[in-house]
């Protein structure tokens, strides 16, 4: 059974940093593309960053240069390093994995950035 569990969210002041983690189980971690998404109340979930099975990475323009996605295959964990956070980065951050043509989501971790 595929499971994704996020951690590392919290409250931080603008300009600060956080590192999110997503630990996967039930599949061959590293074989599949994985993503970070975020959502605020009343808005659709939006793409943040992705990492492919070949370690290619891509992030949304709004976070380029501030966020870095990475992973540790041995630890079966994906990371999102977030620097220079702004209040616009506030939201619930979700981990997503596309495994064998099915999409799986974690339950999310809250990030709150205050002025």
Protein backbone atom coordinates (compact mmCIF):
# COMPACT_ATOMS: atom_id res chain seq x y z
CA UNK A 1 0.00 0.00 0.00
CA UNK A 2 1.46 3.33 -1.08
CA UNK A 3 1.73 5.89 1.70
CA UNK A 4 3.17 9.38 1.75
CA UNK A 5 3.71 11.24 5.00
CA UNK A 6 4.74 14.89 5.15
CA UNK A 7 6.44 16.62 8.04
CA UNK A 8 8.41 19.75 8.82
CA UNK A 9 5.75 22.41 8.53
CA UNK A 10 5.39 25.18 11.06
CA UNK A 11 5.19 28.90 11.64
CA UNK A 12 7.96 31.22 10.58
CA UNK A 13 8.45 34.94 10.02
CA UNK A 14 8.87 36.38 6.56
CA UNK A 15 12.40 35.89 5.31
CA UNK A 16 12.81 32.67 7.24
CA UNK A 17 13.33 29.10 6.10
CA UNK A 18 11.77 25.67 6.52
CA UNK A 19 12.53 22.22 5.22
CA UNK A 20 9.67 19.88 4.51
CA UNK A 21 10.00 16.13 4.28
CA UNK A 22 7.89 13.49 2.59
CA UNK A 23 8.56 9.87 3.48
CA UNK A 24 7.20 7.21 1.17
CA UNK A 25 6.44 3.53 1.62
CA UNK A 26 4.84 0.74 -0.37
CA UNK A 27 6.64 1.48 -3.63
CA UNK A 28 10.16 1.67 -5.07
CA UNK A 29 11.11 5.15 -4.01
CA UNK A 30 13.10 6.88 -6.73
CA UNK A 31 11.45 5.06 -9.59
CA UNK A 32 8.66 7.57 -9.98
CA UNK A 33 8.14 11.27 -10.40
CA UNK A 34 7.16 13.06 -7.22
CA UNK A 35 5.84 16.51 -6.50
CA UNK A 36 5.17 19.16 -3.90
CA UNK A 37 1.89 21.05 -4.13
CA UNK A 38 0.31 23.63 -1.85
CA UNK A 39 -3.18 24.87 -1.16
CA UNK A 40 -4.79 27.76 0.66
CA UNK A 41 -8.48 27.85 1.64
CA UNK A 42 -10.71 28.83 -1.26
CA UNK A 43 -8.09 28.19 -3.90
CA UNK A 44 -7.10 25.22 -6.01
CA UNK A 45 -4.13 23.14 -5.11
CA UNK A 46 -1.13 24.49 -7.01
CA UNK A 47 2.08 22.97 -8.26
CA UNK A 48 5.25 23.91 -6.38
CA UNK A 49 8.09 21.61 -7.50
CA UNK A 50 8.73 18.21 -9.03
CA UNK A 51 11.56 15.71 -9.14
CA UNK A 52 11.72 12.98 -11.77
CA UNK A 53 13.08 9.46 -11.60
CA UNK A 54 16.25 10.80 -13.26
CA UNK A 55 16.55 13.56 -10.65
CA UNK A 56 15.44 16.26 -13.01
CA UNK A 57 13.79 19.10 -11.11
CA UNK A 58 11.42 21.91 -11.92
CA UNK A 59 9.70 24.51 -9.77
CA UNK A 60 6.96 27.05 -10.27
CA UNK A 61 8.10 30.54 -11.22
CA UNK A 62 6.76 31.90 -7.94
CA UNK A 63 9.27 29.85 -5.93
CA UNK A 64 12.19 29.54 -8.35
CA UNK A 65 15.41 30.61 -6.72
CA UNK A 66 13.93 30.23 -3.22
CA UNK A 67 12.77 26.59 -3.05
CA UNK A 68 14.83 23.49 -3.79
CA UNK A 69 13.44 19.98 -4.17
CA UNK A 70 15.62 16.98 -3.49
CA UNK A 71 15.43 13.42 -2.24
CA UNK A 72 17.33 10.72 -0.41
CA UNK A 73 16.45 7.39 -1.99
CA UNK A 74 18.01 5.32 0.78
CA UNK A 75 15.88 7.13 3.35
CA UNK A 76 12.86 7.04 1.01
CA UNK A 77 12.37 10.71 1.68
CA UNK A 78 11.80 13.74 -0.52
CA UNK A 79 12.58 17.24 0.72
CA UNK A 80 11.56 20.78 0.00
CA UNK A 81 13.97 23.40 1.22
CA UNK A 82 12.19 26.76 1.39
CA UNK A 83 14.14 29.98 1.86
CA UNK A 84 13.16 33.64 1.86
CA UNK A 85 9.61 32.73 2.76
CA UNK A 86 6.85 35.29 2.32
CA UNK A 87 3.24 35.36 3.57
CA UNK A 88 2.19 34.28 0.08
CA UNK A 89 3.87 30.94 0.76
CA UNK A 90 1.40 30.18 3.53
CA UNK A 91 -0.66 27.07 2.94
CA UNK A 92 -0.92 23.34 3.36
CA UNK A 93 1.90 21.59 1.53
CA UNK A 94 1.18 18.20 0.03
CA UNK A 95 3.42 15.50 -1.28
CA UNK A 96 2.24 13.70 -4.41
CA UNK A 97 3.56 10.54 -6.05
CA UNK A 98 2.52 9.06 -9.39
CA UNK A 99 3.05 5.32 -8.97
CA UNK A 100 2.07 2.81 -11.65
CA UNK A 101 -0.33 5.25 -13.29
CA UNK A 102 -2.09 6.11 -10.03
CA UNK A 103 -1.78 9.34 -8.09
CA UNK A 104 -1.23 9.33 -4.35
CA UNK A 105 -1.29 12.24 -1.92
CA UNK A 106 -0.11 12.72 1.59
CA UNK A 107 -2.26 14.42 4.21
CA UNK A 108 -0.29 17.64 4.10
CA UNK A 109 1.69 19.80 6.48
CA UNK A 110 0.79 23.39 7.38
CA UNK A 111 3.19 26.23 6.62
CA UNK A 112 2.38 29.66 8.03
CA UNK A 113 4.49 32.69 7.23
CA UNK A 114 3.82 35.89 9.13
CA UNK A 115 4.97 39.43 8.43
